[in-house]
């Protein structure tokens, strides 16, 4: 008979890991404070060998972009993964270190850094092709065992998910195309855990521009998510945004779930 336990999972777009290591608190302090069972990061902006990270008790899984100082993801887990996948078969962005998928005995954990559509939606075609490939990838994993996926999805899904929806309609991260694409991901069998638990909460954001005192004024966007397979959504015990953690233009998001 298998036993379940509550897992604490954290995701953070660090926007350059080396920079966050130099801040106070440092990245390793944040990991220690959260006590996460799994801590996922995006936008490491690293190549292999560019950092020595001392995280006792964690297995380190890295995915590097071919281009230097760009993109990249990593997952630090107390449990050693059974299998790791770093590519999803999306030629548009598969060499950019955007995925760390770790298989554990009872679930898949997938860390993602979704391509930005960029100003004037210059990269929207790449973005939508990636979204489609990522959706198929997750559906394939979910056929094996439940999926938990987290990261910077680079989209505010609904108007409640950003401070100024009106002026941003059609901009990267709040275009109709990206929002509809995220809806298709949810419709493929996944639950937005924060919104499921906090359907009416406003002012809950995970990213703020460095300009215009955006964070001080909480003029932000919720673009960092934890999604879970619908069949384990009832096992979620908590979903929160750790807005008190500084060091990046994003703050961490957290999920507790019994698996």
C-alpha atoms as a PDB file:
ATOM      1  CA  UNK A   1       0.000   0.000   0.000  1.00  0.00           C
ATOM      2  CA  UNK A   2       1.490   3.328  -1.041  1.00  0.00           C
ATOM      3  CA  UNK A   3       1.455   6.213   1.422  1.00  0.00           C
ATOM      4  CA  UNK A   4       1.001   9.841   0.452  1.00  0.00           C
ATOM      5  CA  UNK A   5       2.824  12.755   2.012  1.00  0.00           C
ATOM      6  CA  UNK A   6       2.530  16.494   1.693  1.00  0.00           C
ATOM      7  CA  UNK A   7       5.105  17.974  -0.638  1.00  0.00           C
ATOM      8  CA  UNK A   8       6.163  21.603  -0.660  1.00  0.00           C
ATOM      9  CA  UNK A   9       7.023  22.728  -4.197  1.00  0.00           C
ATOM     10  CA  UNK A  10       8.432  26.135  -5.160  1.00  0.00           C
ATOM     11  CA  UNK A  11       9.045  27.801  -8.528  1.00  0.00           C
ATOM     12  CA  UNK A  12      10.953  31.034  -9.162  1.00  0.00           C
ATOM     13  CA  UNK A  13      12.113  32.902 -12.243  1.00  0.00           C
ATOM     14  CA  UNK A  14      15.408  34.172 -10.843  1.00  0.00           C
ATOM     15  CA  UNK A  15      16.297  36.294 -13.905  1.00  0.00           C
ATOM     16  CA  UNK A  16      19.982  35.385 -13.655  1.00  0.00           C
ATOM     17  CA  UNK A  17      21.057  32.968 -10.942  1.00  0.00           C
ATOM     18  CA  UNK A  18      24.529  34.423 -10.479  1.00  0.00           C
ATOM     19  CA  UNK A  19      23.025  37.838  -9.719  1.00  0.00           C
ATOM     20  CA  UNK A  20      20.594  36.373  -7.155  1.00  0.00           C
ATOM     21  CA  UNK A  21      23.457  34.524  -5.451  1.00  0.00           C
ATOM     22  CA  UNK A  22      25.030  37.894  -4.621  1.00  0.00           C
ATOM     23  CA  UNK A  23      21.899  39.392  -3.090  1.00  0.00           C
ATOM     24  CA  UNK A  24      20.709  39.305   0.511  1.00  0.00           C
ATOM     25  CA  UNK A  25      19.120  36.928   1.150  1.00  0.00           C
ATOM     26  CA  UNK A  26      21.002  34.851  -1.415  1.00  0.00           C
ATOM     27  CA  UNK A  27      19.389  32.169  -3.536  1.00  0.00           C
ATOM     28  CA  UNK A  28      20.609  29.385  -1.256  1.00  0.00           C
ATOM     29  CA  UNK A  29      19.120  31.241   1.747  1.00  0.00           C
ATOM     30  CA  UNK A  30      15.745  31.373  -0.001  1.00  0.00           C
ATOM     31  CA  UNK A  31      15.833  27.649  -0.769  1.00  0.00           C
ATOM     32  CA  UNK A  32      16.727  26.879   2.841  1.00  0.00           C
ATOM     33  CA  UNK A  33      14.008  29.160   4.221  1.00  0.00           C
ATOM     34  CA  UNK A  34      11.254  27.610   2.090  1.00  0.00           C
ATOM     35  CA  UNK A  35      12.299  24.070   3.020  1.00  0.00           C
ATOM     36  CA  UNK A  36      10.956  22.930  -0.348  1.00  0.00           C
ATOM     37  CA  UNK A  37      10.948  19.286  -1.371  1.00  0.00           C
ATOM     38  CA  UNK A  38      11.390  20.492  -4.946  1.00  0.00           C
ATOM     39  CA  UNK A  39      12.623  23.976  -5.921  1.00  0.00           C
ATOM     40  CA  UNK A  40      12.438  24.868  -9.620  1.00  0.00           C
ATOM     41  CA  UNK A  41      13.971  27.913 -11.272  1.00  0.00           C
ATOM     42  CA  UNK A  42      13.786  29.581 -14.655  1.00  0.00           C
ATOM     43  CA  UNK A  43      16.051  32.009 -16.522  1.00  0.00           C
ATOM     44  CA  UNK A  44      19.244  30.747 -14.940  1.00  0.00           C
ATOM     45  CA  UNK A  45      21.269  32.477 -17.717  1.00  0.00           C
ATOM     46  CA  UNK A  46      24.086  29.977 -17.200  1.00  0.00           C
ATOM     47  CA  UNK A  47      26.242  27.481 -19.020  1.00  0.00           C
ATOM     48  CA  UNK A  48      27.506  24.307 -17.408  1.00  0.00           C
ATOM     49  CA  UNK A  49      30.358  24.946 -14.979  1.00  0.00           C
ATOM     50  CA  UNK A  50      29.622  28.653 -14.506  1.00  0.00           C
ATOM     51  CA  UNK A  51      28.395  28.235 -10.959  1.00  0.00           C
ATOM     52  CA  UNK A  52      29.109  25.952  -8.027  1.00  0.00           C
ATOM     53  CA  UNK A  53      25.875  25.674  -6.098  1.00  0.00           C
ATOM     54  CA  UNK A  54      26.090  24.153  -2.639  1.00  0.00           C
ATOM     55  CA  UNK A  55      22.649  22.803  -1.745  1.00  0.00           C
ATOM     56  CA  UNK A  56      23.095  19.920   0.729  1.00  0.00           C
ATOM     57  CA  UNK A  57      20.335  17.354   0.516  1.00  0.00           C
ATOM     58  CA  UNK A  58      19.257  18.253  -3.019  1.00  0.00           C
ATOM     59  CA  UNK A  59      19.810  16.533  -6.355  1.00  0.00           C
ATOM     60  CA  UNK A  60      20.544  19.130  -9.054  1.00  0.00           C
ATOM     61  CA  UNK A  61      19.023  18.813 -12.534  1.00  0.00           C
ATOM     62  CA  UNK A  62      20.021  21.454 -15.098  1.00  0.00           C
ATOM     63  CA  UNK A  63      18.908  22.350 -18.611  1.00  0.00           C
ATOM     64  CA  UNK A  64      21.140  24.847 -20.409  1.00  0.00           C
ATOM     65  CA  UNK A  65      20.506  26.996 -23.461  1.00  0.00           C
ATOM     66  CA  UNK A  66      23.025  26.710 -26.289  1.00  0.00           C
ATOM     67  CA  UNK A  67      23.150  30.511 -26.402  1.00  0.00           C
ATOM     68  CA  UNK A  68      25.281  31.959 -23.613  1.00  0.00           C
ATOM     69  CA  UNK A  69      23.686  34.005 -20.835  1.00  0.00           C
ATOM     70  CA  UNK A  70      20.165  33.156 -21.978  1.00  0.00           C
ATOM     71  CA  UNK A  71      17.130  31.263 -20.717  1.00  0.00           C
ATOM     72  CA  UNK A  72      17.867  27.972 -18.890  1.00  0.00           C
ATOM     73  CA  UNK A  73      16.039  26.019 -16.194  1.00  0.00           C
ATOM     74  CA  UNK A  74      16.994  23.885 -13.205  1.00  0.00           C
ATOM     75  CA  UNK A  75      15.293  21.762 -10.566  1.00  0.00           C
ATOM     76  CA  UNK A  76      16.618  20.951  -7.105  1.00  0.00           C
ATOM     77  CA  UNK A  77      14.874  17.945  -5.556  1.00  0.00           C
ATOM     78  CA  UNK A  78      15.343  16.040  -2.303  1.00  0.00           C
ATOM     79  CA  UNK A  79      14.392  12.860  -4.124  1.00  0.00           C
ATOM     80  CA  UNK A  80      16.528  11.604  -6.988  1.00  0.00           C
ATOM     81  CA  UNK A  81      14.518  11.538 -10.234  1.00  0.00           C
ATOM     82  CA  UNK A  82      13.951   8.239 -12.012  1.00  0.00           C
ATOM     83  CA  UNK A  83      14.258   9.918 -15.408  1.00  0.00           C
ATOM     84  CA  UNK A  84      14.922  13.400 -16.808  1.00  0.00           C
ATOM     85  CA  UNK A  85      13.732  14.955 -20.088  1.00  0.00           C
ATOM     86  CA  UNK A  86      15.043  18.300 -21.365  1.00  0.00           C
ATOM     87  CA  UNK A  87      13.562  18.455 -24.867  1.00  0.00           C
ATOM     88  CA  UNK A  88       9.933  18.336 -25.978  1.00  0.00           C
ATOM     89  CA  UNK A  89      10.320  18.127 -29.750  1.00  0.00           C
ATOM     90  CA  UNK A  90       9.674  21.812 -30.452  1.00  0.00           C
ATOM     91  CA  UNK A  91      12.356  22.844 -32.953  1.00  0.00           C
ATOM     92  CA  UNK A  92      11.451  26.521 -32.476  1.00  0.00           C
ATOM     93  CA  UNK A  93      12.956  26.725 -28.992  1.00  0.00           C
ATOM     94  CA  UNK A  94      14.150  23.282 -27.946  1.00  0.00           C
ATOM     95  CA  UNK A  95      17.806  24.363 -27.761  1.00  0.00           C
ATOM     96  CA  UNK A  96      17.064  27.106 -25.227  1.00  0.00           C
ATOM     97  CA  UNK A  97      17.074  25.050 -22.019  1.00  0.00           C
ATOM     98  CA  UNK A  98      13.407  25.711 -21.388  1.00  0.00           C
ATOM     99  CA  UNK A  99      12.311  22.406 -19.830  1.00  0.00           C
ATOM    100  CA  UNK A 100      13.375  20.223 -16.919  1.00  0.00           C
ATOM    101  CA  UNK A 101      10.990  17.270 -16.622  1.00  0.00           C
ATOM    102  CA  UNK A 102      11.683  14.899 -13.738  1.00  0.00           C
ATOM    103  CA  UNK A 103       9.938  11.589 -13.230  1.00  0.00           C
ATOM    104  CA  UNK A 104       9.315  10.514  -9.641  1.00  0.00           C
ATOM    105  CA  UNK A 105       7.593   7.306  -8.477  1.00  0.00           C
ATOM    106  CA  UNK A 106       4.123   8.856  -8.162  1.00  0.00           C
ATOM    107  CA  UNK A 107       4.192  11.884 -10.479  1.00  0.00           C
ATOM    108  CA  UNK A 108       5.967  13.900 -13.150  1.00  0.00           C
ATOM    109  CA  UNK A 109       7.397  17.303 -12.164  1.00  0.00           C
ATOM    110  CA  UNK A 110       7.922  19.644 -15.122  1.00  0.00           C
ATOM    111  CA  UNK A 111       9.652  23.030 -14.892  1.00  0.00           C
ATOM    112  CA  UNK A 112       9.138  25.336 -17.885  1.00  0.00           C
ATOM    113  CA  UNK A 113      10.253  28.749 -19.098  1.00  0.00           C
ATOM    114  CA  UNK A 114       7.843  29.605 -21.914  1.00  0.00           C
ATOM    115  CA  UNK A 115       9.161  31.756 -24.797  1.00  0.00           C
ATOM    116  CA  UNK A 116       8.178  35.409 -24.637  1.00  0.00           C
ATOM    117  CA  UNK A 117       6.136  36.658 -27.599  1.00  0.00           C
ATOM    118  CA  UNK A 118       8.236  39.863 -27.471  1.00  0.00           C
ATOM    119  CA  UNK A 119       7.359  43.451 -28.362  1.00  0.00           C
ATOM    120  CA  UNK A 120       4.651  43.814 -30.981  1.00  0.00           C
ATOM    121  CA  UNK A 121       4.285  40.007 -30.823  1.00  0.00           C
ATOM    122  CA  UNK A 122       7.423  39.591 -32.946  1.00  0.00           C
ATOM    123  CA  UNK A 123       7.838  36.008 -31.751  1.00  0.00           C
ATOM    124  CA  UNK A 124       4.180  35.012 -31.478  1.00  0.00           C
ATOM    125  CA  UNK A 125       4.420  32.214 -34.070  1.00  0.00           C
ATOM    126  CA  UNK A 126       7.316  30.610 -32.199  1.00  0.00           C
ATOM    127  CA  UNK A 127       5.454  31.076 -28.949  1.00  0.00           C
ATOM    128  CA  UNK A 128       2.250  29.415 -30.165  1.00  0.00           C
ATOM    129  CA  UNK A 129       4.148  26.534 -31.787  1.00  0.00           C
ATOM    130  CA  UNK A 130       5.953  26.015 -28.472  1.00  0.00           C
ATOM    131  CA  UNK A 131       2.662  26.113 -26.562  1.00  0.00           C
ATOM    132  CA  UNK A 132       1.207  23.444 -28.831  1.00  0.00           C
ATOM    133  CA  UNK A 133       4.256  21.178 -28.463  1.00  0.00           C
ATOM    134  CA  UNK A 134       4.351  21.692 -24.705  1.00  0.00           C
ATOM    135  CA  UNK A 135       0.664  20.855 -24.377  1.00  0.00           C
ATOM    136  CA  UNK A 136       1.138  17.609 -26.309  1.00  0.00           C
ATOM    137  CA  UNK A 137       4.208  16.807 -24.206  1.00  0.00           C
ATOM    138  CA  UNK A 138       2.308  17.223 -20.940  1.00  0.00           C
ATOM    139  CA  UNK A 139      -0.671  15.227 -22.169  1.00  0.00           C
ATOM    140  CA  UNK A 140       1.725  12.417 -23.071  1.00  0.00           C
ATOM    141  CA  UNK A 141       3.292  12.449 -19.609  1.00  0.00           C
ATOM    142  CA  UNK A 142      -0.129  12.603 -17.942  1.00  0.00           C
ATOM    143  CA  UNK A 143      -1.057   9.366 -19.687  1.00  0.00           C
ATOM    144  CA  UNK A 144       1.711   7.716 -17.617  1.00  0.00           C
ATOM    145  CA  UNK A 145       1.175   9.348 -14.222  1.00  0.00           C
ATOM    146  CA  UNK A 146      -0.122  12.647 -12.794  1.00  0.00           C
ATOM    147  CA  UNK A 147       1.721  15.828 -13.757  1.00  0.00           C
ATOM    148  CA  UNK A 148       2.739  18.892 -11.766  1.00  0.00           C
ATOM    149  CA  UNK A 149       4.080  21.642 -14.027  1.00  0.00           C
ATOM    150  CA  UNK A 150       5.351  25.021 -12.913  1.00  0.00           C
ATOM    151  CA  UNK A 151       7.276  27.989 -14.139  1.00  0.00           C
ATOM    152  CA  UNK A 152       7.076  31.258 -16.010  1.00  0.00           C
ATOM    153  CA  UNK A 153       4.339  30.726 -18.600  1.00  0.00           C
ATOM    154  CA  UNK A 154       4.652  34.329 -19.823  1.00  0.00           C
ATOM    155  CA  UNK A 155       0.913  34.931 -19.916  1.00  0.00           C
ATOM    156  CA  UNK A 156      -1.614  36.542 -17.616  1.00  0.00           C
ATOM    157  CA  UNK A 157      -4.611  34.323 -18.290  1.00  0.00           C
ATOM    158  CA  UNK A 158      -7.502  36.584 -17.314  1.00  0.00           C
ATOM    159  CA  UNK A 159      -8.067  40.255 -16.529  1.00  0.00           C
ATOM    160  CA  UNK A 160      -7.894  39.494 -12.788  1.00  0.00           C
ATOM    161  CA  UNK A 161      -4.295  38.330 -13.346  1.00  0.00           C
ATOM    162  CA  UNK A 162      -2.785  41.760 -14.076  1.00  0.00           C
ATOM    163  CA  UNK A 163      -3.143  45.267 -12.690  1.00  0.00           C
ATOM    164  CA  UNK A 164      -3.882  47.075 -15.950  1.00  0.00           C
ATOM    165  CA  UNK A 165      -5.671  44.725 -18.353  1.00  0.00           C
ATOM    166  CA  UNK A 166      -7.184  47.422 -20.553  1.00  0.00           C
ATOM    167  CA  UNK A 167      -3.995  49.137 -21.792  1.00  0.00           C
ATOM    168  CA  UNK A 168      -2.190  45.775 -22.058  1.00  0.00           C
ATOM    169  CA  UNK A 169      -4.779  44.002 -24.193  1.00  0.00           C
ATOM    170  CA  UNK A 170      -2.959  42.661 -27.246  1.00  0.00           C
ATOM    171  CA  UNK A 171       0.516  43.133 -25.756  1.00  0.00           C
ATOM    172  CA  UNK A 172       2.949  40.256 -25.253  1.00  0.00           C
ATOM    173  CA  UNK A 173       1.759  38.218 -22.305  1.00  0.00           C
ATOM    174  CA  UNK A 174      -1.835  39.420 -22.619  1.00  0.00           C
ATOM    175  CA  UNK A 175      -2.642  38.898 -26.278  1.00  0.00           C
ATOM    176  CA  UNK A 176      -5.820  37.040 -27.205  1.00  0.00           C
ATOM    177  CA  UNK A 177      -3.705  34.372 -28.906  1.00  0.00           C
ATOM    178  CA  UNK A 178      -1.601  33.630 -25.814  1.00  0.00           C
ATOM    179  CA  UNK A 179      -4.570  33.673 -23.461  1.00  0.00           C
ATOM    180  CA  UNK A 180      -6.521  31.295 -25.696  1.00  0.00           C
ATOM    181  CA  UNK A 181      -3.479  29.038 -25.922  1.00  0.00           C
ATOM    182  CA  UNK A 182      -3.300  28.876 -22.120  1.00  0.00           C
ATOM    183  CA  UNK A 183      -7.016  28.055 -22.008  1.00  0.00           C
ATOM    184  CA  UNK A 184      -6.341  25.166 -24.392  1.00  0.00           C
ATOM    185  CA  UNK A 185      -3.648  23.888 -22.017  1.00  0.00           C
ATOM    186  CA  UNK A 186      -6.068  23.923 -19.094  1.00  0.00           C
ATOM    187  CA  UNK A 187      -8.766  22.290 -21.228  1.00  0.00           C
ATOM    188  CA  UNK A 188      -6.314  19.480 -22.021  1.00  0.00           C
ATOM    189  CA  UNK A 189      -6.688  18.302 -18.423  1.00  0.00           C
ATOM    190  CA  UNK A 190      -4.905  20.721 -16.081  1.00  0.00           C
ATOM    191  CA  UNK A 191      -5.869  22.983 -13.171  1.00  0.00           C
ATOM    192  CA  UNK A 192      -4.454  26.427 -12.361  1.00  0.00           C
ATOM    193  CA  UNK A 193      -3.945  25.718  -8.659  1.00  0.00           C
ATOM    194  CA  UNK A 194      -3.723  29.297  -7.400  1.00  0.00           C
ATOM    195  CA  UNK A 195      -6.878  30.427  -9.170  1.00  0.00           C
ATOM    196  CA  UNK A 196      -8.733  27.248  -8.207  1.00  0.00           C
ATOM    197  CA  UNK A 197      -8.062  27.988  -4.534  1.00  0.00           C
ATOM    198  CA  UNK A 198      -8.359  31.771  -4.762  1.00  0.00           C
ATOM    199  CA  UNK A 199     -10.949  32.397  -7.505  1.00  0.00           C
ATOM    200  CA  UNK A 200     -11.688  36.012  -6.600  1.00  0.00           C
ATOM    201  CA  UNK A 201      -8.405  37.264  -5.138  1.00  0.00           C
ATOM    202  CA  UNK A 202      -7.178  40.421  -6.853  1.00  0.00           C
ATOM    203  CA  UNK A 203      -3.761  42.072  -6.641  1.00  0.00           C
ATOM    204  CA  UNK A 204      -2.011  38.676  -6.580  1.00  0.00           C
ATOM    205  CA  UNK A 205       0.955  39.014  -8.924  1.00  0.00           C
ATOM    206  CA  UNK A 206       4.287  37.269  -9.475  1.00  0.00           C
ATOM    207  CA  UNK A 207       6.072  39.661 -11.861  1.00  0.00           C
ATOM    208  CA  UNK A 208       6.596  43.416 -11.878  1.00  0.00           C
ATOM    209  CA  UNK A 209       8.421  45.604 -14.356  1.00  0.00           C
ATOM    210  CA  UNK A 210      11.602  47.206 -13.061  1.00  0.00           C
ATOM    211  CA  UNK A 211      10.225  50.526 -14.337  1.00  0.00           C
ATOM    212  CA  UNK A 212       7.764  53.015 -12.808  1.00  0.00           C
ATOM    213  CA  UNK A 213       8.073  51.651  -9.224  1.00  0.00           C
ATOM    214  CA  UNK A 214       5.844  48.819 -10.398  1.00  0.00           C
ATOM    215  CA  UNK A 215       6.566  46.481  -7.496  1.00  0.00           C
ATOM    216  CA  UNK A 216       6.211  49.185  -4.879  1.00  0.00           C
ATOM    217  CA  UNK A 217       2.821  50.058  -6.380  1.00  0.00           C
ATOM    218  CA  UNK A 218       1.950  46.386  -6.971  1.00  0.00           C
ATOM    219  CA  UNK A 219       1.325  47.069 -10.658  1.00  0.00           C
ATOM    220  CA  UNK A 220       2.094  43.484 -11.575  1.00  0.00           C
ATOM    221  CA  UNK A 221       1.153  40.406 -13.560  1.00  0.00           C
ATOM    222  CA  UNK A 222       0.535  36.811 -12.470  1.00  0.00           C
ATOM    223  CA  UNK A 223       2.491  34.864 -15.080  1.00  0.00           C
ATOM    224  CA  UNK A 224       4.123  32.208 -12.865  1.00  0.00           C
ATOM    225  CA  UNK A 225       1.977  29.163 -12.213  1.00  0.00           C
ATOM    226  CA  UNK A 226       1.629  25.720 -10.739  1.00  0.00           C
ATOM    227  CA  UNK A 227      -0.669  23.559 -12.848  1.00  0.00           C
ATOM    228  CA  UNK A 228      -1.605  20.000 -11.912  1.00  0.00           C
ATOM    229  CA  UNK A 229      -3.406  17.175 -13.672  1.00  0.00           C
ATOM    230  CA  UNK A 230      -7.109  17.440 -12.938  1.00  0.00           C
ATOM    231  CA  UNK A 231      -7.096  14.018 -11.293  1.00  0.00           C
ATOM    232  CA  UNK A 232      -4.832  15.251  -8.482  1.00  0.00           C
ATOM    233  CA  UNK A 233      -6.291  18.754  -8.136  1.00  0.00           C
ATOM    234  CA  UNK A 234      -8.211  17.654  -5.049  1.00  0.00           C
ATOM    235  CA  UNK A 235      -4.924  16.772  -3.367  1.00  0.00           C
ATOM    236  CA  UNK A 236      -3.705  20.391  -3.382  1.00  0.00           C
ATOM    237  CA  UNK A 237      -3.516  21.696   0.178  1.00  0.00           C
ATOM    238  CA  UNK A 238      -2.160  25.174  -0.533  1.00  0.00           C
ATOM    239  CA  UNK A 239      -1.202  27.541  -3.358  1.00  0.00           C
ATOM    240  CA  UNK A 240       0.486  30.841  -2.647  1.00  0.00           C
ATOM    241  CA  UNK A 241       2.611  33.648  -4.044  1.00  0.00           C
ATOM    242  CA  UNK A 242       5.705  34.500  -1.990  1.00  0.00           C
ATOM    243  CA  UNK A 243       5.674  38.209  -2.774  1.00  0.00           C
ATOM    244  CA  UNK A 244       7.852  39.030   0.243  1.00  0.00           C
ATOM    245  CA  UNK A 245      10.852  37.369  -1.487  1.00  0.00           C
ATOM    246  CA  UNK A 246      12.959  39.856  -3.468  1.00  0.00           C
ATOM    247  CA  UNK A 247      16.017  39.392  -5.680  1.00  0.00           C
ATOM    248  CA  UNK A 248      14.377  39.144  -9.112  1.00  0.00           C
ATOM    249  CA  UNK A 249      11.634  40.930 -11.051  1.00  0.00           C
ATOM    250  CA  UNK A 250       9.590  37.792 -10.292  1.00  0.00           C
ATOM    251  CA  UNK A 251       8.766  36.368  -6.876  1.00  0.00           C
ATOM    252  CA  UNK A 252       8.476  32.651  -6.123  1.00  0.00           C
ATOM    253  CA  UNK A 253       5.189  30.761  -6.218  1.00  0.00           C
ATOM    254  CA  UNK A 254       4.477  27.785  -3.993  1.00  0.00           C
ATOM    255  CA  UNK A 255       2.290  24.682  -3.987  1.00  0.00           C
ATOM    256  CA  UNK A 256       1.630  22.153  -1.254  1.00  0.00           C
ATOM    257  CA  UNK A 257       0.087  18.890  -2.382  1.00  0.00           C
ATOM    258  CA  UNK A 258      -0.363  15.366  -1.054  1.00  0.00           C
ATOM    259  CA  UNK A 259       1.225  12.853  -3.404  1.00  0.00           C
END
